[in-house]
Amino acid sequence: MAALYLASALFGLFQGGIVPSYAIIVREYFPAQRAGVQTGTVIMATLVGMALGGWMSGAIFDLTGSYKAAFVNGIAWNLLNLSIAFYFFRRARALGQLR
């Protein structure tokens, strides 16, 4: 139980620090006229991803009887997210859009 409590606490701390910064990040890189729509879109995508991830992990557990495949699935999705973020970072740098 201690490991579960620790994982829950860390998740809450990270989630509580990341989600509020979405509005700041969106405002920094998009015009003010689009900031509301973009912030809503980013938060919606976050919530859909979290809901789908929880459901998908449960479905994988039901199929395999183990969370090992579910963890591998989660790691694979995070690697995909990192590669997309890295692509956009490199693209913005090449276009001179980063300060």
N, C-alpha and C. Protein backbone atom coordinates (compact mmCIF):
# COMPACT_ATOMS: atom_id res chain seq x y z
N MET A 1 0.82 -1.20 0.00
CA MET A 1 0.00 0.00 0.00
C MET A 1 0.86 1.26 0.00
N ALA A 2 2.02 1.20 0.63
CA ALA A 2 2.87 2.39 0.69
C ALA A 2 3.30 2.81 -0.71
N ALA A 3 3.62 1.85 -1.58
CA ALA A 3 4.02 2.18 -2.95
C ALA A 3 2.87 2.82 -3.72
N LEU A 4 1.65 2.35 -3.49
CA LEU A 4 0.48 2.93 -4.14
C LEU A 4 0.27 4.36 -3.67
N TYR A 5 0.38 4.60 -2.38
CA TYR A 5 0.24 5.95 -1.85
C TYR A 5 1.32 6.88 -2.40
N LEU A 6 2.53 6.39 -2.48
CA LEU A 6 3.63 7.19 -3.01
C LEU A 6 3.39 7.53 -4.49
N ALA A 7 2.99 6.55 -5.28
CA ALA A 7 2.71 6.79 -6.70
C ALA A 7 1.57 7.78 -6.86
N SER A 8 0.54 7.66 -6.04
CA SER A 8 -0.60 8.59 -6.11
C SER A 8 -0.18 10.01 -5.74
N ALA A 9 0.64 10.14 -4.72
CA ALA A 9 1.10 11.46 -4.30
C ALA A 9 1.96 12.10 -5.38
N LEU A 10 2.87 11.33 -5.96
CA LEU A 10 3.73 11.87 -7.02
C LEU A 10 2.90 12.28 -8.24
N PHE A 11 1.93 11.44 -8.61
CA PHE A 11 1.07 11.77 -9.74
C PHE A 11 0.33 13.08 -9.47
N GLY A 12 -0.22 13.22 -8.29
CA GLY A 12 -0.94 14.45 -7.94
C GLY A 12 -0.04 15.68 -7.98
N LEU A 13 1.18 15.54 -7.49
CA LEU A 13 2.11 16.68 -7.51
C LEU A 13 2.48 17.06 -8.94
N PHE A 14 2.78 16.07 -9.77
CA PHE A 14 3.16 16.37 -11.15
C PHE A 14 1.97 16.92 -11.93
N GLN A 15 0.82 16.31 -11.79
CA GLN A 15 -0.37 16.76 -12.50
C GLN A 15 -0.75 18.17 -12.05
N GLY A 16 -0.66 18.42 -10.76
CA GLY A 16 -0.98 19.74 -10.23
C GLY A 16 -0.02 20.82 -10.69
N GLY A 17 1.17 20.44 -11.11
CA GLY A 17 2.13 21.41 -11.59
C GLY A 17 2.11 21.61 -13.09
N ILE A 18 1.70 20.58 -13.82
CA ILE A 18 1.74 20.65 -15.27
C ILE A 18 0.49 21.28 -15.87
N VAL A 19 -0.68 20.83 -15.45
CA VAL A 19 -1.93 21.29 -16.07
C VAL A 19 -2.11 22.82 -15.96
N PRO A 20 -1.87 23.45 -14.81
CA PRO A 20 -2.03 24.90 -14.77
C PRO A 20 -1.07 25.65 -15.70
N SER A 21 0.06 25.04 -16.01
CA SER A 21 1.01 25.72 -16.89
C SER A 21 0.59 25.66 -18.36
N TYR A 22 -0.40 24.85 -18.71
CA TYR A 22 -0.86 24.79 -20.09
C TYR A 22 -1.30 26.15 -20.59
N ALA A 23 -2.06 26.87 -19.76
CA ALA A 23 -2.54 28.20 -20.18
C ALA A 23 -1.38 29.16 -20.44
N ILE A 24 -0.37 29.07 -19.63
CA ILE A 24 0.80 29.95 -19.81
C ILE A 24 1.54 29.59 -21.10
N ILE A 25 1.72 28.31 -21.33
CA ILE A 25 2.42 27.86 -22.54
C ILE A 25 1.65 28.25 -23.79
N VAL A 26 0.34 28.00 -23.79
CA VAL A 26 -0.49 28.36 -24.95
C VAL A 26 -0.45 29.86 -25.19
N ARG A 27 -0.57 30.65 -24.15
CA ARG A 27 -0.55 32.11 -24.30
C ARG A 27 0.79 32.61 -24.83
N GLU A 28 1.84 31.92 -24.48
CA GLU A 28 3.17 32.32 -24.92
C GLU A 28 3.37 32.09 -26.42
N TYR A 29 2.76 31.06 -26.97
CA TYR A 29 3.02 30.69 -28.36
C TYR A 29 1.88 30.94 -29.33
N PHE A 30 0.72 31.41 -28.85
CA PHE A 30 -0.40 31.69 -29.73
C PHE A 30 -0.91 33.10 -29.50
N PRO A 31 -1.55 33.70 -30.51
CA PRO A 31 -2.12 35.04 -30.31
C PRO A 31 -3.20 35.03 -29.23
N ALA A 32 -3.40 36.17 -28.59
CA ALA A 32 -4.38 36.26 -27.51
C ALA A 32 -5.78 35.90 -27.97
N GLN A 33 -6.11 36.19 -29.22
CA GLN A 33 -7.44 35.89 -29.74
C GLN A 33 -7.72 34.39 -29.77
N ARG A 34 -6.69 33.58 -29.89
CA ARG A 34 -6.86 32.13 -29.99
C ARG A 34 -6.55 31.40 -28.69
N ALA A 35 -6.11 32.10 -27.68
CA ALA A 35 -5.63 31.46 -26.45
C ALA A 35 -6.73 30.65 -25.76
N GLY A 36 -7.96 31.14 -25.72
CA GLY A 36 -9.05 30.42 -25.06
C GLY A 36 -9.35 29.10 -25.73
N VAL A 37 -9.47 29.13 -27.06
CA VAL A 37 -9.77 27.90 -27.81
C VAL A 37 -8.61 26.92 -27.69
N GLN A 38 -7.40 27.41 -27.84
CA GLN A 38 -6.24 26.54 -27.77
C GLN A 38 -6.07 25.92 -26.39
N THR A 39 -6.30 26.70 -25.33
CA THR A 39 -6.18 26.17 -23.98
C THR A 39 -7.24 25.09 -23.74
N GLY A 40 -8.46 25.34 -24.17
CA GLY A 40 -9.52 24.34 -24.04
C GLY A 40 -9.20 23.07 -24.80
N THR A 41 -8.65 23.22 -25.99
CA THR A 41 -8.29 22.05 -26.81
C THR A 41 -7.19 21.24 -26.14
N VAL A 42 -6.19 21.91 -25.61
CA VAL A 42 -5.08 21.21 -24.95
C VAL A 42 -5.57 20.47 -23.70
N ILE A 43 -6.39 21.12 -22.90
CA ILE A 43 -6.90 20.47 -21.68
C ILE A 43 -7.83 19.32 -22.03
N MET A 44 -8.66 19.49 -23.08
CA MET A 44 -9.53 18.40 -23.52
C MET A 44 -8.70 17.19 -23.96
N ALA A 45 -7.65 17.43 -24.73
CA ALA A 45 -6.80 16.34 -25.18
C ALA A 45 -6.15 15.64 -23.98
N THR A 46 -5.76 16.40 -22.98
CA THR A 46 -5.17 15.83 -21.77
C THR A 46 -6.17 14.91 -21.06
N LEU A 47 -7.39 15.40 -20.90
CA LEU A 47 -8.40 14.61 -20.20
C LEU A 47 -8.79 13.35 -20.98
N VAL A 48 -8.92 13.47 -22.30
CA VAL A 48 -9.23 12.30 -23.12
C VAL A 48 -8.10 11.28 -23.02
N GLY A 49 -6.86 11.76 -23.07
CA GLY A 49 -5.72 10.86 -22.96
C GLY A 49 -5.67 10.15 -21.62
N MET A 50 -5.97 10.87 -20.54
CA MET A 50 -5.96 10.24 -19.22
C MET A 50 -7.09 9.21 -19.10
N ALA A 51 -8.26 9.54 -19.62
CA ALA A 51 -9.38 8.60 -19.55
C ALA A 51 -9.11 7.37 -20.40
N LEU A 52 -8.62 7.59 -21.60
CA LEU A 52 -8.33 6.47 -22.49
C LEU A 52 -7.20 5.60 -21.92
N GLY A 53 -6.21 6.23 -21.33
CA GLY A 53 -5.09 5.47 -20.76
C GLY A 53 -5.53 4.57 -19.62
N GLY A 54 -6.38 5.08 -18.74
CA GLY A 54 -6.88 4.25 -17.64
C GLY A 54 -7.72 3.09 -18.14
N TRP A 55 -8.59 3.37 -19.09
CA TRP A 55 -9.42 2.31 -19.66
C TRP A 55 -8.56 1.28 -20.38
N MET A 56 -7.60 1.78 -21.18
CA MET A 56 -6.76 0.88 -21.97
C MET A 56 -5.92 -0.03 -21.05
N SER A 57 -5.40 0.52 -19.97
CA SER A 57 -4.61 -0.30 -19.04
C SER A 57 -5.48 -1.40 -18.42
N GLY A 58 -6.70 -1.05 -18.07
CA GLY A 58 -7.61 -2.06 -17.52
C GLY A 58 -7.95 -3.13 -18.54
N ALA A 59 -8.17 -2.73 -19.79
CA ALA A 59 -8.47 -3.70 -20.84
C ALA A 59 -7.27 -4.62 -21.09
N ILE A 60 -6.08 -4.05 -21.08
CA ILE A 60 -4.88 -4.86 -21.27
C ILE A 60 -4.71 -5.84 -20.11
N PHE A 61 -4.97 -5.37 -18.89
CA PHE A 61 -4.89 -6.27 -17.73
C PHE A 61 -5.90 -7.40 -17.87
N ASP A 62 -7.12 -7.07 -18.28
CA ASP A 62 -8.15 -8.10 -18.45
C ASP A 62 -7.74 -9.14 -19.49
N LEU A 63 -7.06 -8.70 -20.53
CA LEU A 63 -6.63 -9.63 -21.58
C LEU A 63 -5.44 -10.49 -21.17
N THR A 64 -4.51 -9.88 -20.43
CA THR A 64 -3.25 -10.58 -20.12
C THR A 64 -3.16 -11.09 -18.69
N GLY A 65 -3.95 -10.52 -17.77
CA GLY A 65 -3.87 -10.91 -16.37
C GLY A 65 -2.66 -10.34 -15.66
N SER A 66 -2.00 -9.36 -16.30
CA SER A 66 -0.79 -8.75 -15.73
C SER A 66 -0.73 -7.28 -16.13
N TYR A 67 -0.12 -6.48 -15.27
CA TYR A 67 0.05 -5.07 -15.61
C TYR A 67 1.35 -4.82 -16.38
N LYS A 68 2.15 -5.85 -16.60
CA LYS A 68 3.41 -5.66 -17.32
C LYS A 68 3.17 -5.09 -18.71
N ALA A 69 2.24 -5.67 -19.46
CA ALA A 69 1.93 -5.17 -20.80
C ALA A 69 1.32 -3.77 -20.74
N ALA A 70 0.54 -3.49 -19.69
CA ALA A 70 -0.06 -2.16 -19.54
C ALA A 70 1.02 -1.10 -19.32
N PHE A 71 2.04 -1.43 -18.52
CA PHE A 71 3.14 -0.50 -18.31
C PHE A 71 3.92 -0.28 -19.60
N VAL A 72 4.15 -1.34 -20.34
CA VAL A 72 4.85 -1.21 -21.63
C VAL A 72 4.04 -0.33 -22.57
N ASN A 73 2.73 -0.52 -22.58
CA ASN A 73 1.85 0.32 -23.40
C ASN A 73 1.96 1.79 -22.99
N GLY A 74 1.94 2.05 -21.70
CA GLY A 74 2.06 3.43 -21.22
C GLY A 74 3.40 4.05 -21.60
N ILE A 75 4.45 3.29 -21.48
CA ILE A 75 5.78 3.78 -21.85
C ILE A 75 5.83 4.07 -23.35
N ALA A 76 5.23 3.21 -24.15
CA ALA A 76 5.22 3.43 -25.60
C ALA A 76 4.47 4.71 -25.97
N TRP A 77 3.34 4.96 -25.33
CA TRP A 77 2.58 6.19 -25.61
C TRP A 77 3.38 7.42 -25.17
N ASN A 78 4.08 7.32 -24.05
CA ASN A 78 4.89 8.45 -23.60
C ASN A 78 6.05 8.71 -24.55
N LEU A 79 6.65 7.66 -25.09
CA LEU A 79 7.71 7.85 -26.08
C LEU A 79 7.17 8.51 -27.34
N LEU A 80 5.96 8.13 -27.74
CA LEU A 80 5.33 8.80 -28.88
C LEU A 80 5.10 10.28 -28.59
N ASN A 81 4.60 10.59 -27.39
CA ASN A 81 4.40 12.00 -27.01
C ASN A 81 5.71 12.78 -27.02
N LEU A 82 6.76 12.18 -26.49
CA LEU A 82 8.06 12.85 -26.47
C LEU A 82 8.59 13.09 -27.88
N SER A 83 8.39 12.13 -28.77
CA SER A 83 8.87 12.31 -30.15
C SER A 83 8.10 13.42 -30.85
N ILE A 84 6.79 13.53 -30.60
CA ILE A 84 6.01 14.62 -31.19
C ILE A 84 6.47 15.97 -30.64
N ALA A 85 6.66 16.05 -29.33
CA ALA A 85 7.13 17.30 -28.73
C ALA A 85 8.51 17.68 -29.26
N PHE A 86 9.40 16.69 -29.37
CA PHE A 86 10.74 16.95 -29.90
C PHE A 86 10.67 17.45 -31.34
N TYR A 87 9.79 16.85 -32.14
CA TYR A 87 9.62 17.29 -33.53
C TYR A 87 9.20 18.76 -33.58
N PHE A 88 8.20 19.13 -32.79
CA PHE A 88 7.74 20.52 -32.80
C PHE A 88 8.79 21.47 -32.25
N PHE A 89 9.54 21.04 -31.26
CA PHE A 89 10.63 21.86 -30.71
C PHE A 89 11.68 22.13 -31.78
N ARG A 90 12.10 21.08 -32.47
CA ARG A 90 13.11 21.25 -33.53
C ARG A 90 12.57 22.10 -34.66
N ARG A 91 11.31 21.92 -35.01
CA ARG A 91 10.70 22.71 -36.08
C ARG A 91 10.64 24.19 -35.70
N ALA A 92 10.24 24.48 -34.46
CA ALA A 92 10.18 25.86 -34.01
C ALA A 92 11.57 26.48 -33.97
N ARG A 93 12.54 25.71 -33.56
CA ARG A 93 13.92 26.21 -33.51
C ARG A 93 14.43 26.52 -34.92
N ALA A 94 14.13 25.63 -35.87
CA ALA A 94 14.57 25.82 -37.26
C ALA A 94 13.91 27.04 -37.90
N LEU A 95 12.66 27.31 -37.52
CA LEU A 95 11.94 28.47 -38.06
C LEU A 95 12.25 29.75 -37.30
N GLY A 96 13.07 29.64 -36.25
CA GLY A 96 13.45 30.82 -35.49
C GLY A 96 12.36 31.33 -34.56
N GLN A 97 11.43 30.45 -34.16
CA GLN A 97 10.32 30.87 -33.33
C GLN A 97 10.60 30.76 -31.84
N LEU A 98 11.71 30.14 -31.48
CA LEU A 98 12.07 30.06 -30.06
C LEU A 98 12.97 31.20 -29.68
N ARG A 99 12.78 31.69 -28.49
CA ARG A 99 13.60 32.82 -28.02
C ARG A 99 14.90 32.36 -27.46
